[in-house]
C-alpha atoms as a PDB file:
ATOM      1  CA  UNK A   1     -82.645 -87.297  66.002  1.00  0.00           C
ATOM      2  CA  UNK A   2     -85.465 -85.194  64.513  1.00  0.00           C
ATOM      3  CA  UNK A   3     -88.440 -86.966  62.729  1.00  0.00           C
ATOM      4  CA  UNK A   4     -90.507 -85.962  59.670  1.00  0.00           C
ATOM      5  CA  UNK A   5     -94.338 -85.877  59.563  1.00  0.00           C
ATOM      6  CA  UNK A   6     -98.124 -85.342  59.480  1.00  0.00           C
ATOM      7  CA  UNK A   7    -101.673 -83.969  59.025  1.00  0.00           C
ATOM      8  CA  UNK A   8    -105.113 -84.684  60.483  1.00  0.00           C
ATOM      9  CA  UNK A   9    -108.778 -84.652  60.853  1.00  0.00           C
ATOM     10  CA  UNK A  10    -111.267 -85.285  63.692  1.00  0.00           C
ATOM     11  CA  UNK A  11    -114.190 -85.100  66.001  1.00  0.00           C
ATOM     12  CA  UNK A  12    -113.937 -83.175  69.179  1.00  0.00           C
ATOM     13  CA  UNK A  13    -110.774 -81.807  71.146  1.00  0.00           C
ATOM     14  CA  UNK A  14    -110.463 -81.129  74.961  1.00  0.00           C
ATOM     15  CA  UNK A  15    -107.974 -80.292  77.463  1.00  0.00           C
ATOM     16  CA  UNK A  16    -106.983 -81.880  80.876  1.00  0.00           C
ATOM     17  CA  UNK A  17    -105.489 -80.782  83.849  1.00  0.00           C
ATOM     18  CA  UNK A  18    -102.239 -82.609  84.993  1.00  0.00           C
ATOM     19  CA  UNK A  19    -101.392 -81.014  88.185  1.00  0.00           C
ATOM     20  CA  UNK A  20    -100.535 -77.420  87.221  1.00  0.00           C
ATOM     21  CA  UNK A  21     -99.681 -78.430  83.631  1.00  0.00           C
ATOM     22  CA  UNK A  22    -102.483 -78.464  81.040  1.00  0.00           C
ATOM     23  CA  UNK A  23    -102.446 -81.306  78.839  1.00  0.00           C
ATOM     24  CA  UNK A  24    -104.113 -81.015  75.395  1.00  0.00           C
ATOM     25  CA  UNK A  25    -105.016 -84.008  73.521  1.00  0.00           C
ATOM     26  CA  UNK A  26    -107.475 -85.388  70.764  1.00  0.00           C
ATOM     27  CA  UNK A  27    -109.239 -88.353  71.784  1.00  0.00           C
ATOM     28  CA  UNK A  28    -110.018 -91.439  69.536  1.00  0.00           C
ATOM     29  CA  UNK A  29    -108.235 -89.844  66.336  1.00  0.00           C
ATOM     30  CA  UNK A  30    -106.545 -92.370  64.350  1.00  0.00           C
ATOM     31  CA  UNK A  31    -103.494 -91.638  62.534  1.00  0.00           C
ATOM     32  CA  UNK A  32    -102.097 -93.943  59.673  1.00  0.00           C
ATOM     33  CA  UNK A  33     -98.276 -93.518  59.604  1.00  0.00           C
ATOM     34  CA  UNK A  34     -96.996 -94.698  56.019  1.00  0.00           C
ATOM     35  CA  UNK A  35     -93.043 -94.876  55.912  1.00  0.00           C
ATOM     36  CA  UNK A  36     -90.607 -97.451  55.353  1.00  0.00           C
ATOM     37  CA  UNK A  37     -88.094 -95.844  57.625  1.00  0.00           C
ATOM     38  CA  UNK A  38     -88.118 -97.749  60.859  1.00  0.00           C
ATOM     39  CA  UNK A  39     -86.376 -95.062  63.081  1.00  0.00           C
ATOM     40  CA  UNK A  40     -88.992 -92.606  61.651  1.00  0.00           C
ATOM     41  CA  UNK A  41     -91.933 -94.852  62.183  1.00  0.00           C
ATOM     42  CA  UNK A  42     -91.003 -95.602  65.971  1.00  0.00           C
ATOM     43  CA  UNK A  43     -90.144 -92.095  66.831  1.00  0.00           C
ATOM     44  CA  UNK A  44     -93.731 -90.732  65.388  1.00  0.00           C
ATOM     45  CA  UNK A  45     -95.644 -93.864  66.560  1.00  0.00           C
ATOM     46  CA  UNK A  46     -94.206 -93.252  70.351  1.00  0.00           C
ATOM     47  CA  UNK A  47     -94.774 -89.542  70.382  1.00  0.00           C
ATOM     48  CA  UNK A  48     -98.178 -89.764  68.862  1.00  0.00           C
ATOM     49  CA  UNK A  49     -99.333 -92.354  71.159  1.00  0.00           C
ATOM     50  CA  UNK A  50     -97.831 -90.592  73.918  1.00  0.00           C
ATOM     51  CA  UNK A  51    -100.325 -87.610  73.230  1.00  0.00           C
ATOM     52  CA  UNK A  52    -103.607 -89.876  73.240  1.00  0.00           C
ATOM     53  CA  UNK A  53    -103.724 -90.694  69.438  1.00  0.00           C
ATOM     54  CA  UNK A  54    -104.219 -94.462  67.965  1.00  0.00           C
ATOM     55  CA  UNK A  55    -102.004 -95.096  65.059  1.00  0.00           C
ATOM     56  CA  UNK A  56    -101.369 -97.731  62.644  1.00  0.00           C
ATOM     57  CA  UNK A  57     -98.256 -98.126  60.460  1.00  0.00           C
ATOM     58  CA  UNK A  58     -97.964 -99.281  56.782  1.00  0.00           C
ATOM     59  CA  UNK A  59     -94.385 -99.727  55.345  1.00  0.00           C
ATOM     60  CA  UNK A  60     -95.374 -99.604  51.735  1.00  0.00           C
ATOM     61  CA  UNK A  61     -98.002 -98.135  49.212  1.00  0.00           C
ATOM     62  CA  UNK A  62    -100.200-101.385  48.565  1.00  0.00           C
ATOM     63  CA  UNK A  63    -100.260-101.838  52.625  1.00  0.00           C
ATOM     64  CA  UNK A  64    -101.198 -98.294  53.285  1.00  0.00           C
ATOM     65  CA  UNK A  65    -104.200 -98.511  50.914  1.00  0.00           C
ATOM     66  CA  UNK A  66    -105.054-101.945  52.201  1.00  0.00           C
ATOM     67  CA  UNK A  67    -104.878-100.772  55.866  1.00  0.00           C
ATOM     68  CA  UNK A  68    -106.729 -97.668  54.995  1.00  0.00           C
ATOM     69  CA  UNK A  69    -109.892 -99.020  53.538  1.00  0.00           C
ATOM     70  CA  UNK A  70    -109.929-101.562  56.194  1.00  0.00           C
ATOM     71  CA  UNK A  71    -109.966 -99.462  59.095  1.00  0.00           C
ATOM     72  CA  UNK A  72    -110.249 -95.712  57.858  1.00  0.00           C
ATOM     73  CA  UNK A  73    -108.287 -93.072  59.674  1.00  0.00           C
ATOM     74  CA  UNK A  74    -108.808 -89.498  60.607  1.00  0.00           C
ATOM     75  CA  UNK A  75    -105.225 -88.492  59.055  1.00  0.00           C
ATOM     76  CA  UNK A  76    -102.589 -90.183  57.052  1.00  0.00           C
ATOM     77  CA  UNK A  77     -98.987 -89.169  57.184  1.00  0.00           C
ATOM     78  CA  UNK A  78     -97.720 -90.277  53.914  1.00  0.00           C
ATOM     79  CA  UNK A  79     -94.009 -90.673  52.727  1.00  0.00           C
ATOM     80  CA  UNK A  80     -93.167 -90.066  49.038  1.00  0.00           C
ATOM     81  CA  UNK A  81     -90.814 -92.504  48.613  1.00  0.00           C
ATOM     82  CA  UNK A  82     -92.349 -96.003  49.072  1.00  0.00           C
ATOM     83  CA  UNK A  83     -91.662 -99.436  48.070  1.00  0.00           C
ATOM     84  CA  UNK A  84     -94.378-101.193  45.651  1.00  0.00           C
ATOM     85  CA  UNK A  85     -96.239 -97.976  45.114  1.00  0.00           C
ATOM     86  CA  UNK A  86     -95.152 -94.357  45.745  1.00  0.00           C
ATOM     87  CA  UNK A  87     -96.993 -92.012  47.824  1.00  0.00           C
ATOM     88  CA  UNK A  88     -98.532 -89.979  44.862  1.00  0.00           C
ATOM     89  CA  UNK A  89    -100.277 -92.946  43.878  1.00  0.00           C
ATOM     90  CA  UNK A  90    -101.411 -93.691  46.976  1.00  0.00           C
ATOM     91  CA  UNK A  91    -102.748 -90.453  47.575  1.00  0.00           C
ATOM     92  CA  UNK A  92    -104.437 -90.379  44.216  1.00  0.00           C
ATOM     93  CA  UNK A  93    -105.985 -93.810  44.975  1.00  0.00           C
ATOM     94  CA  UNK A  94    -107.310 -92.702  48.416  1.00  0.00           C
ATOM     95  CA  UNK A  95    -108.702 -89.457  46.972  1.00  0.00           C
ATOM     96  CA  UNK A  96    -111.020 -91.372  44.489  1.00  0.00           C
ATOM     97  CA  UNK A  97    -113.176 -92.231  47.480  1.00  0.00           C
ATOM     98  CA  UNK A  98    -112.193 -90.257  50.517  1.00  0.00           C
ATOM     99  CA  UNK A  99    -111.208 -86.564  51.440  1.00  0.00           C
ATOM    100  CA  UNK A 100    -109.349 -87.743  54.823  1.00  0.00           C
ATOM    101  CA  UNK A 101    -106.599 -85.294  55.619  1.00  0.00           C
ATOM    102  CA  UNK A 102    -103.456 -86.379  53.826  1.00  0.00           C
ATOM    103  CA  UNK A 103     -99.942 -84.899  55.111  1.00  0.00           C
ATOM    104  CA  UNK A 104     -97.088 -85.924  52.620  1.00  0.00           C
ATOM    105  CA  UNK A 105     -93.568 -86.354  53.953  1.00  0.00           C
ATOM    106  CA  UNK A 106     -90.714 -85.380  51.510  1.00  0.00           C
ATOM    107  CA  UNK A 107     -87.234 -85.965  51.969  1.00  0.00           C
ATOM    108  CA  UNK A 108     -86.219 -83.856  48.920  1.00  0.00           C
ATOM    109  CA  UNK A 109     -87.780 -80.847  50.447  1.00  0.00           C
ATOM    110  CA  UNK A 110     -87.975 -79.421  46.789  1.00  0.00           C
ATOM    111  CA  UNK A 111     -91.116 -77.096  46.028  1.00  0.00           C
ATOM    112  CA  UNK A 112     -91.793 -79.352  42.796  1.00  0.00           C
ATOM    113  CA  UNK A 113     -92.296 -82.264  45.056  1.00  0.00           C
ATOM    114  CA  UNK A 114     -94.824 -80.349  47.222  1.00  0.00           C
ATOM    115  CA  UNK A 115     -96.603 -79.205  44.410  1.00  0.00           C
ATOM    116  CA  UNK A 116     -96.772 -82.362  42.753  1.00  0.00           C
ATOM    117  CA  UNK A 117     -98.232 -83.826  46.100  1.00  0.00           C
ATOM    118  CA  UNK A 118    -101.125 -81.038  45.881  1.00  0.00           C
ATOM    119  CA  UNK A 119    -101.540 -82.187  42.376  1.00  0.00           C
ATOM    120  CA  UNK A 120    -102.438 -85.546  43.493  1.00  0.00           C
ATOM    121  CA  UNK A 121    -104.792 -84.289  46.337  1.00  0.00           C
ATOM    122  CA  UNK A 122    -102.479 -83.923  49.398  1.00  0.00           C
ATOM    123  CA  UNK A 123    -103.518 -81.372  52.033  1.00  0.00           C
ATOM    124  CA  UNK A 124    -100.117 -80.580  53.258  1.00  0.00           C
ATOM    125  CA  UNK A 125     -96.549 -81.461  53.412  1.00  0.00           C
ATOM    126  CA  UNK A 126     -93.848 -81.533  55.998  1.00  0.00           C
ATOM    127  CA  UNK A 127     -89.929 -81.720  54.432  1.00  0.00           C
ATOM    128  CA  UNK A 128     -87.352 -84.212  56.259  1.00  0.00           C
ATOM    129  CA  UNK A 129     -85.778 -84.023  58.824  1.00  0.00           C
ATOM    130  CA  UNK A 130     -88.478 -82.610  60.793  1.00  0.00           C
ATOM    131  CA  UNK A 131     -89.003 -81.390  64.332  1.00  0.00           C
ATOM    132  CA  UNK A 132     -91.653 -83.797  65.866  1.00  0.00           C
ATOM    133  CA  UNK A 133     -93.003 -80.676  67.679  1.00  0.00           C
ATOM    134  CA  UNK A 134     -93.963 -79.230  64.507  1.00  0.00           C
ATOM    135  CA  UNK A 135     -95.358 -82.293  63.355  1.00  0.00           C
ATOM    136  CA  UNK A 136     -97.765 -82.541  66.227  1.00  0.00           C
ATOM    137  CA  UNK A 137     -98.603 -79.019  66.263  1.00  0.00           C
ATOM    138  CA  UNK A 138     -99.699 -79.372  62.416  1.00  0.00           C
ATOM    139  CA  UNK A 139    -101.919 -82.326  63.207  1.00  0.00           C
ATOM    140  CA  UNK A 140    -103.638 -80.631  66.168  1.00  0.00           C
ATOM    141  CA  UNK A 141    -104.334 -77.506  63.993  1.00  0.00           C
ATOM    142  CA  UNK A 142    -105.801 -79.527  61.038  1.00  0.00           C
ATOM    143  CA  UNK A 143    -107.967 -81.497  63.707  1.00  0.00           C
ATOM    144  CA  UNK A 144    -109.171 -78.537  65.394  1.00  0.00           C
ATOM    145  CA  UNK A 145    -110.045 -76.766  61.916  1.00  0.00           C
ATOM    146  CA  UNK A 146    -111.610 -79.750  60.678  1.00  0.00           C
ATOM    147  CA  UNK A 147    -113.790 -80.147  63.643  1.00  0.00           C
ATOM    148  CA  UNK A 148    -115.322 -76.484  63.248  1.00  0.00           C
ATOM    149  CA  UNK A 149    -115.839 -73.549  60.607  1.00  0.00           C
ATOM    150  CA  UNK A 150    -112.624 -71.816  59.773  1.00  0.00           C
ATOM    151  CA  UNK A 151    -112.453 -68.469  61.586  1.00  0.00           C
ATOM    152  CA  UNK A 152    -112.437 -66.516  58.286  1.00  0.00           C
ATOM    153  CA  UNK A 153    -116.069 -67.674  57.310  1.00  0.00           C
ATOM    154  CA  UNK A 154    -118.204 -64.864  57.151  1.00  0.00           C
ATOM    155  CA  UNK A 155    -121.374 -67.146  56.655  1.00  0.00           C
ATOM    156  CA  UNK A 156    -122.020 -70.320  58.404  1.00  0.00           C
ATOM    157  CA  UNK A 157    -124.888 -70.942  56.155  1.00  0.00           C
ATOM    158  CA  UNK A 158    -125.021 -73.097  53.016  1.00  0.00           C
ATOM    159  CA  UNK A 159    -123.901 -71.059  50.191  1.00  0.00           C
ATOM    160  CA  UNK A 160    -126.035 -72.128  47.260  1.00  0.00           C
ATOM    161  CA  UNK A 161    -125.186 -71.016  43.690  1.00  0.00           C
ATOM    162  CA  UNK A 162    -126.789 -72.592  40.791  1.00  0.00           C
ATOM    163  CA  UNK A 163    -126.299 -76.186  41.384  1.00  0.00           C
ATOM    164  CA  UNK A 164    -123.352 -75.992  43.781  1.00  0.00           C
ATOM    165  CA  UNK A 165    -123.858 -75.812  47.442  1.00  0.00           C
ATOM    166  CA  UNK A 166    -120.858 -75.254  49.643  1.00  0.00           C
ATOM    167  CA  UNK A 167    -121.518 -76.075  53.225  1.00  0.00           C
ATOM    168  CA  UNK A 168    -118.886 -74.542  56.037  1.00  0.00           C
ATOM    169  CA  UNK A 169    -120.612 -76.051  58.907  1.00  0.00           C
ATOM    170  CA  UNK A 170    -120.309 -79.458  57.250  1.00  0.00           C
ATOM    171  CA  UNK A 171    -117.212 -79.019  55.401  1.00  0.00           C
ATOM    172  CA  UNK A 172    -118.597 -80.315  52.231  1.00  0.00           C
ATOM    173  CA  UNK A 173    -119.394 -79.283  48.487  1.00  0.00           C
ATOM    174  CA  UNK A 174    -122.051 -80.563  46.620  1.00  0.00           C
ATOM    175  CA  UNK A 175    -122.860 -80.290  43.042  1.00  0.00           C
ATOM    176  CA  UNK A 176    -126.304 -81.209  41.264  1.00  0.00           C
ATOM    177  CA  UNK A 177    -127.156 -83.166  44.519  1.00  0.00           C
ATOM    178  CA  UNK A 178    -123.933 -85.099  44.631  1.00  0.00           C
ATOM    179  CA  UNK A 179    -121.340 -84.548  47.211  1.00  0.00           C
ATOM    180  CA  UNK A 180    -117.979 -83.682  45.577  1.00  0.00           C
ATOM    181  CA  UNK A 181    -114.568 -85.440  46.396  1.00  0.00           C
ATOM    182  CA  UNK A 182    -112.489 -82.495  47.415  1.00  0.00           C
ATOM    183  CA  UNK A 183    -109.674 -82.786  49.356  1.00  0.00           C
ATOM    184  CA  UNK A 184    -109.370 -80.998  52.967  1.00  0.00           C
ATOM    185  CA  UNK A 185    -107.489 -78.219  51.774  1.00  0.00           C
ATOM    186  CA  UNK A 186    -109.525 -77.669  48.627  1.00  0.00           C
ATOM    187  CA  UNK A 187    -112.675 -77.331  50.619  1.00  0.00           C
ATOM    188  CA  UNK A 188    -111.233 -74.879  52.689  1.00  0.00           C
ATOM    189  CA  UNK A 189    -110.046 -72.878  50.026  1.00  0.00           C
ATOM    190  CA  UNK A 190    -113.613 -73.021  48.315  1.00  0.00           C
ATOM    191  CA  UNK A 191    -115.265 -72.058  51.536  1.00  0.00           C
ATOM    192  CA  UNK A 192    -112.917 -69.212  52.010  1.00  0.00           C
ATOM    193  CA  UNK A 193    -113.678 -67.769  48.356  1.00  0.00           C
ATOM    194  CA  UNK A 194    -117.408 -68.570  48.436  1.00  0.00           C
ATOM    195  CA  UNK A 195    -117.764 -66.950  51.936  1.00  0.00           C
ATOM    196  CA  UNK A 196    -116.382 -63.825  50.622  1.00  0.00           C
ATOM    197  CA  UNK A 197    -118.279 -63.449  46.989  1.00  0.00           C
ATOM    198  CA  UNK A 198    -116.499 -60.547  44.949  1.00  0.00           C
ATOM    199  CA  UNK A 199    -113.659 -60.310  47.166  1.00  0.00           C
ATOM    200  CA  UNK A 200    -110.241 -60.823  45.313  1.00  0.00           C
ATOM    201  CA  UNK A 201    -107.589 -62.883  47.274  1.00  0.00           C
ATOM    202  CA  UNK A 202    -104.020 -62.717  46.290  1.00  0.00           C
ATOM    203  CA  UNK A 203    -102.015 -66.065  46.363  1.00  0.00           C
ATOM    204  CA  UNK A 204    -100.041 -64.878  49.409  1.00  0.00           C
ATOM    205  CA  UNK A 205    -103.605 -63.975  51.609  1.00  0.00           C
ATOM    206  CA  UNK A 206    -104.853 -67.452  50.499  1.00  0.00           C
ATOM    207  CA  UNK A 207    -101.425 -69.076  51.718  1.00  0.00           C
ATOM    208  CA  UNK A 208    -101.830 -67.199  54.947  1.00  0.00           C
ATOM    209  CA  UNK A 209    -105.552 -68.068  55.486  1.00  0.00           C
ATOM    210  CA  UNK A 210    -105.513 -71.782  54.156  1.00  0.00           C
ATOM    211  CA  UNK A 211    -102.085 -72.652  55.633  1.00  0.00           C
ATOM    212  CA  UNK A 212    -102.149 -70.443  58.723  1.00  0.00           C
ATOM    213  CA  UNK A 213     -98.730 -69.193  57.963  1.00  0.00           C
ATOM    214  CA  UNK A 214     -97.214 -72.746  58.040  1.00  0.00           C
ATOM    215  CA  UNK A 215     -95.986 -72.403  54.425  1.00  0.00           C
ATOM    216  CA  UNK A 216     -93.132 -70.406  53.221  1.00  0.00           C
ATOM    217  CA  UNK A 217     -92.578 -71.976  49.787  1.00  0.00           C
ATOM    218  CA  UNK A 218     -93.707 -71.313  46.212  1.00  0.00           C
ATOM    219  CA  UNK A 219     -97.315 -69.822  45.854  1.00  0.00           C
ATOM    220  CA  UNK A 220     -98.049 -71.869  42.711  1.00  0.00           C
ATOM    221  CA  UNK A 221     -99.258 -74.247  45.307  1.00  0.00           C
ATOM    222  CA  UNK A 222    -102.238 -72.026  45.086  1.00  0.00           C
ATOM    223  CA  UNK A 223    -102.765 -72.489  41.362  1.00  0.00           C
ATOM    224  CA  UNK A 224    -102.681 -76.132  41.743  1.00  0.00           C
ATOM    225  CA  UNK A 225    -105.796 -75.967  44.499  1.00  0.00           C
ATOM    226  CA  UNK A 226    -107.726 -73.750  42.075  1.00  0.00           C
ATOM    227  CA  UNK A 227    -107.132 -75.746  39.264  1.00  0.00           C
ATOM    228  CA  UNK A 228    -108.149 -78.895  41.173  1.00  0.00           C
ATOM    229  CA  UNK A 229    -111.368 -77.365  42.487  1.00  0.00           C
ATOM    230  CA  UNK A 230    -112.126 -76.111  39.030  1.00  0.00           C
ATOM    231  CA  UNK A 231    -111.832 -79.675  37.384  1.00  0.00           C
ATOM    232  CA  UNK A 232    -114.578 -80.768  40.155  1.00  0.00           C
ATOM    233  CA  UNK A 233    -116.980 -77.905  40.012  1.00  0.00           C
ATOM    234  CA  UNK A 234    -117.068 -76.102  36.786  1.00  0.00           C
ATOM    235  CA  UNK A 235    -118.778 -77.195  33.417  1.00  0.00           C
ATOM    236  CA  UNK A 236    -115.890 -75.691  31.391  1.00  0.00           C
ATOM    237  CA  UNK A 237    -112.587 -75.122  33.336  1.00  0.00           C
ATOM    238  CA  UNK A 238    -111.280 -72.863  30.310  1.00  0.00           C
ATOM    239  CA  UNK A 239    -114.307 -70.686  30.958  1.00  0.00           C
ATOM    240  CA  UNK A 240    -115.040 -70.778  34.720  1.00  0.00           C
ATOM    241  CA  UNK A 241    -118.222 -69.687  36.355  1.00  0.00           C
ATOM    242  CA  UNK A 242    -117.652 -70.010  39.839  1.00  0.00           C
ATOM    243  CA  UNK A 243    -114.060 -69.188  40.468  1.00  0.00           C
ATOM    244  CA  UNK A 244    -112.730 -66.465  38.531  1.00  0.00           C
ATOM    245  CA  UNK A 245    -109.124 -64.792  38.191  1.00  0.00           C
ATOM    246  CA  UNK A 246    -108.165 -61.413  38.280  1.00  0.00           C
ATOM    247  CA  UNK A 247    -104.807 -61.343  36.294  1.00  0.00           C
ATOM    248  CA  UNK A 248    -102.030 -60.058  38.102  1.00  0.00           C
ATOM    249  CA  UNK A 249    -104.156 -59.599  41.478  1.00  0.00           C
ATOM    250  CA  UNK A 250    -105.737 -63.139  42.560  1.00  0.00           C
ATOM    251  CA  UNK A 251    -108.771 -65.113  42.755  1.00  0.00           C
ATOM    252  CA  UNK A 252    -112.223 -64.305  43.556  1.00  0.00           C
ATOM    253  CA  UNK A 253    -115.774 -66.290  43.570  1.00  0.00           C
ATOM    254  CA  UNK A 254    -118.957 -65.019  41.852  1.00  0.00           C
ATOM    255  CA  UNK A 255    -122.364 -65.685  42.824  1.00  0.00           C
ATOM    256  CA  UNK A 256    -123.648 -63.538  40.178  1.00  0.00           C
ATOM    257  CA  UNK A 257    -126.128 -65.857  37.987  1.00  0.00           C
ATOM    258  CA  UNK A 258    -126.030 -64.202  34.203  1.00  0.00           C
END
């Protein structure tokens, strides 16, 4: 039976040798599994704990919010269809105060659900039914990248333009001295663009960089992330200063003050 799944954030990863086989695991990473299907929860919990993760479980939206704020997790696996409060609302509520990586699980597997998830601040999604090996690979990749600057960053120093500070090392964005609540994927996209000022990235190039070739769906997801970033850093989203559009080509970041 296949199970559906996950995304994550973390501290430091390391490997241990077990005989001749190298075992990779991420210590002290806490993953909150939010799903009301007992078999999926059981499968995810067993597999993740076998890899050394700590897990907690919530079976409805209200419990998910309560458990997250009581004991914040490094990553949340969040089903869309939940009792009491759907996954979109849970995601939006958590995003108001946290940029913890959120992977949404969707049974429908339709692009519109995925795009809606990104609109509400999700970082990634996995359609059901899923392969647990893929889920674990996604989690490990996100945790690794969250613990270090992405390989495509040309400048690890803070990027300062007007009142905006983009910090690849800290994986953070500050505007007028206040840290902005961008999601994990939103920060990654802004770092990509700001680290390469003037370079135009097509939607497909952004998908390949930010999703590391894990995504094969609608490239409108890029437009959604750009829209959300602009809402958080631009004074006038109709006339953006930082992230500009080259119509028919893609997006680019400008550090030209004028």
